Protein backbone atom coordinates (compact mmCIF):
# COMPACT_ATOMS: atom_id res chain seq x y z
CA MET A 1 0.00 0.00 -0.01
CA LYS A 2 2.84 2.35 0.87
CA LYS A 3 4.51 1.64 -2.50
CA LEU A 4 1.24 2.46 -4.32
CA ALA A 5 0.95 5.80 -2.48
CA ILE A 6 4.55 6.69 -3.35
CA ALA A 7 4.01 5.70 -6.98
CA LEU A 8 0.87 7.81 -7.22
CA ALA A 9 2.65 10.78 -5.66
CA PHE A 10 5.51 10.33 -8.12
CA LEU A 11 3.09 10.20 -11.13
CA THR A 12 1.32 13.27 -9.89
CA VAL A 13 4.58 15.23 -9.74
CA LEU A 14 5.54 14.02 -13.19
CA SER A 15 2.19 14.77 -14.77
CA SER A 16 1.98 18.37 -13.56
CA PRO A 17 4.71 19.73 -15.92
CA VAL A 18 3.17 17.76 -18.79
CA ALA A 19 -0.29 19.14 -18.03
CA ALA A 20 1.20 22.63 -17.94
CA GLN A 21 2.93 22.03 -21.29
CA ASP A 22 -0.34 20.70 -22.80
CA PHE A 23 -2.24 23.73 -21.57
CA GLN A 24 0.50 26.01 -22.99
CA LYS A 25 0.35 24.18 -26.35
CA GLY A 26 -3.40 24.79 -26.37
CA PHE A 27 -2.91 28.42 -25.44
CA VAL A 28 -0.38 29.01 -28.21
CA ALA A 29 -2.76 27.31 -30.70
CA TYR A 30 -5.71 29.38 -29.41
CA ASN A 31 -3.80 32.63 -29.89
CA ALA A 32 -2.79 31.53 -33.39
CA GLY A 33 -6.46 30.79 -34.27
CA ASP A 34 -5.86 27.02 -34.34
CA PHE A 35 -8.89 26.22 -32.24
CA ALA A 36 -8.95 22.50 -33.16
CA THR A 37 -5.54 21.99 -31.57
CA ALA A 38 -6.52 24.09 -28.57
CA LEU A 39 -9.61 21.89 -28.11
CA LYS A 40 -7.51 18.70 -28.44
CA GLU A 41 -5.04 19.92 -25.79
CA TRP A 42 -7.52 21.39 -23.35
CA LYS A 43 -10.40 18.89 -23.31
CA PRO A 44 -8.51 16.13 -21.41
CA LEU A 45 -7.22 18.71 -18.92
CA ALA A 46 -10.71 20.14 -18.46
CA GLU A 47 -12.14 16.69 -17.89
CA GLN A 48 -9.44 16.19 -15.19
CA GLY A 49 -10.69 19.36 -13.44
CA ARG A 50 -8.13 21.91 -14.62
CA VAL A 51 -9.92 25.25 -14.19
CA SER A 52 -8.02 27.19 -16.84
CA ALA A 53 -8.79 24.50 -19.40
CA GLN A 54 -12.46 24.51 -18.38
CA ILE A 55 -12.71 28.26 -18.83
CA TYR A 56 -11.08 28.19 -22.25
CA LEU A 57 -13.30 25.35 -23.42
CA GLY A 58 -16.21 27.55 -22.32
CA TYR A 59 -14.76 30.36 -24.50
CA LEU A 60 -14.50 27.99 -27.49
CA TYR A 61 -18.12 26.86 -27.25
CA ASP A 62 -19.43 30.30 -26.27
CA GLY A 63 -17.84 31.92 -29.30
CA GLY A 64 -18.16 28.99 -31.77
CA LEU A 65 -14.41 28.90 -32.13
CA GLY A 66 -13.40 25.71 -33.90
CA VAL A 67 -16.63 24.05 -32.73
CA PRO A 68 -20.29 24.77 -33.44
CA GLN A 69 -21.46 27.49 -31.10
CA ASP A 70 -23.13 25.77 -28.16
CA TYR A 71 -24.13 27.91 -25.24
CA LYS A 72 -25.22 24.87 -23.16
CA GLU A 73 -21.75 23.31 -23.60
CA ALA A 74 -20.15 26.65 -22.72
CA VAL A 75 -22.27 26.81 -19.55
CA LYS A 76 -21.25 23.27 -18.62
CA TRP A 77 -17.54 24.17 -18.69
CA TYR A 78 -18.00 27.62 -17.08
CA LEU A 79 -20.04 25.97 -14.30
CA LEU A 80 -17.33 23.42 -13.55
CA ALA A 81 -14.72 26.21 -13.22
CA ALA A 82 -17.12 28.52 -11.33
CA GLU A 83 -17.86 25.79 -8.76
CA GLN A 84 -14.11 25.68 -8.11
CA GLY A 85 -14.23 29.38 -7.34
CA ASP A 86 -12.98 30.95 -10.57
CA ALA A 87 -14.19 34.58 -10.80
CA SER A 88 -14.01 34.75 -14.58
CA ALA A 89 -16.20 31.66 -14.94
CA GLN A 90 -18.63 33.06 -12.37
CA PHE A 91 -18.74 36.36 -14.31
CA ASN A 92 -19.41 34.51 -17.57
CA LEU A 93 -22.29 32.63 -15.93
CA CYS A 94 -23.61 35.96 -14.71
CA GLY A 95 -23.75 37.23 -18.31
CA MET A 96 -25.20 34.03 -19.73
CA SER A 97 -27.91 34.07 -17.08
CA ALA A 98 -28.69 37.64 -17.89
CA SER A 99 -29.01 36.96 -21.66
CA GLY A 100 -30.58 33.53 -21.35
CA GLN A 101 -27.77 31.89 -23.38
CA GLY A 102 -27.48 28.22 -22.56
CA VAL A 103 -29.58 28.64 -19.41
CA PRO A 104 -32.98 30.23 -18.74
CA GLN A 105 -32.81 33.99 -18.25
CA ASP A 106 -32.89 34.41 -14.52
CA HIS A 107 -32.02 37.60 -12.59
CA LYS A 108 -31.60 35.68 -9.32
CA GLU A 109 -28.86 33.59 -11.02
CA VAL A 110 -27.37 36.75 -12.43
CA LEU A 111 -27.18 38.17 -8.92
CA LYS A 112 -25.70 34.93 -7.51
CA TRP A 113 -22.90 34.61 -10.04
CA CYS A 114 -22.09 38.37 -10.25
CA LEU A 115 -21.93 38.55 -6.46
CA LEU A 116 -19.54 35.53 -6.26
CA ALA A 117 -17.25 37.13 -8.92
CA ALA A 118 -17.54 40.60 -7.32
CA GLU A 119 -16.50 39.20 -3.93
CA GLN A 120 -13.24 38.18 -5.58
CA GLY A 121 -12.62 41.75 -6.87
CA HIS A 122 -13.97 41.26 -10.45
CA ALA A 123 -14.57 44.93 -11.37
CA ILE A 124 -17.03 44.32 -14.24
CA ALA A 125 -19.07 41.96 -12.04
CA GLN A 126 -19.11 44.67 -9.36
CA SER A 127 -20.38 47.15 -11.95
CA ASN A 128 -23.04 44.67 -13.07
CA LEU A 129 -24.25 44.54 -9.44
CA GLY A 130 -24.62 48.30 -9.56
CA ALA A 131 -26.74 47.88 -12.74
CA LEU A 132 -28.89 45.23 -11.07
CA HIS A 133 -29.57 47.55 -8.11
CA ILE A 134 -30.24 50.63 -10.27
CA ASN A 135 -32.73 48.66 -12.43
CA GLY A 136 -34.23 46.53 -9.61
CA ARG A 137 -33.44 43.23 -11.39
CA GLY A 138 -33.21 40.28 -8.97
CA VAL A 139 -33.04 42.79 -6.11
CA LEU A 140 -35.02 45.79 -4.96
CA GLN A 141 -34.21 48.99 -6.75
CA ASP A 142 -31.67 50.79 -4.56
CA ASN A 143 -29.64 53.81 -5.62
CA VAL A 144 -27.37 53.60 -2.54
CA MET A 145 -26.42 49.98 -3.32
CA ALA A 146 -25.96 50.86 -7.02
CA HIS A 147 -23.67 53.80 -6.10
CA MET A 148 -21.72 51.56 -3.73
CA TRP A 149 -21.07 48.83 -6.36
CA TYR A 150 -20.35 51.36 -9.14
CA ASN A 151 -17.90 53.16 -6.79
CA ILE A 152 -16.11 49.87 -5.97
CA ALA A 153 -15.88 48.86 -9.62
CA ALA A 154 -14.44 52.31 -10.52
CA ALA A 155 -11.90 51.98 -7.67
CA ASN A 156 -10.88 48.58 -9.10
CA GLY A 157 -10.20 50.08 -12.54
CA TYR A 158 -13.46 49.88 -14.46
CA SER A 159 -13.64 53.56 -15.42
CA LYS A 160 -17.07 53.39 -17.16
CA SER A 161 -18.46 52.49 -13.73
CA GLY A 162 -17.34 55.85 -12.41
CA GLU A 163 -19.51 57.56 -14.99
CA TRP A 164 -22.53 55.49 -14.00
CA ARG A 165 -21.85 56.17 -10.30
CA ASN A 166 -21.90 59.93 -11.01
CA GLU A 167 -25.08 59.57 -12.99
CA VAL A 168 -26.75 57.76 -10.04
CA ALA A 169 -25.38 60.37 -7.61
CA GLY A 170 -27.36 63.03 -9.55
CA ARG A 171 -30.56 61.31 -8.31
CA MET A 172 -29.44 60.91 -4.66
CA THR A 173 -29.33 63.13 -1.61
CA GLN A 174 -25.94 64.10 -0.16
CA SER A 175 -26.70 61.95 2.87
CA ASP A 176 -27.33 58.89 0.68
CA ILE A 177 -24.10 59.52 -1.27
CA TYR A 178 -22.11 59.63 2.00
CA LYS A 179 -23.81 56.42 3.11
CA ALA A 180 -22.94 54.72 -0.21
CA GLN A 181 -19.30 55.91 0.01
CA ALA A 182 -19.01 54.61 3.60
CA MET A 183 -20.51 51.27 2.53
CA ALA A 184 -18.04 51.03 -0.36
CA ARG A 185 -15.11 51.63 2.00
CA GLU A 186 -16.37 49.04 4.45
CA CYS A 187 -16.95 46.55 1.63
CA MET A 188 -13.46 46.97 0.23
CA ASN A 189 -11.78 47.00 3.68
CA SER A 190 -13.55 43.78 4.64
CA GLY A 191 -12.32 41.97 1.50
CA TYR A 192 -15.83 42.16 0.00
CA LYS A 193 -17.44 40.37 2.96
CA LYS A 194 -19.47 43.34 4.35
CA CYS A 195 -21.08 44.86 1.32
CA GLY A 196 -24.34 46.63 1.87
CA TYR A 197 -26.68 47.26 4.68
């Protein structure tokens, strides 16, 4: 039994550089527009649970790159990566849930996936949360929460969000703006754990 465990550990160590090389081969092919090779390199890795390969398979199916466009297949791969905590996959599921591509359109799912990505600092997901709050989709309409999320997204580099924050501020009282700013500071200082009321 001990020999089997040692052998498995040895194989794991040996397979990691190979898996990294296979992913890299796929990445080079992807960037060169050779999507068939990318698919061939990434699919076994994705099936083994490699998050980066799962995300890129999602991109291939989402965009119809080297494969027939298949939103359900894209969702399958994004979901596997998202469940492992990948913010990009969570953000993609947020978008697909909003547009109803590969899954039923569902604002509660949009909120769920955007929030998970936003809690990891994904600026566009944070901005999308602002949009959900300003429009009352999946949540109650709330200018303070919208301002908070737009402010956080702008602070994290999504400049368009700063414009939307300023637009929302034009419809808010000074007191509500201060509240939104304080909430944004608390949210960021807590590592996105205390965001909102």
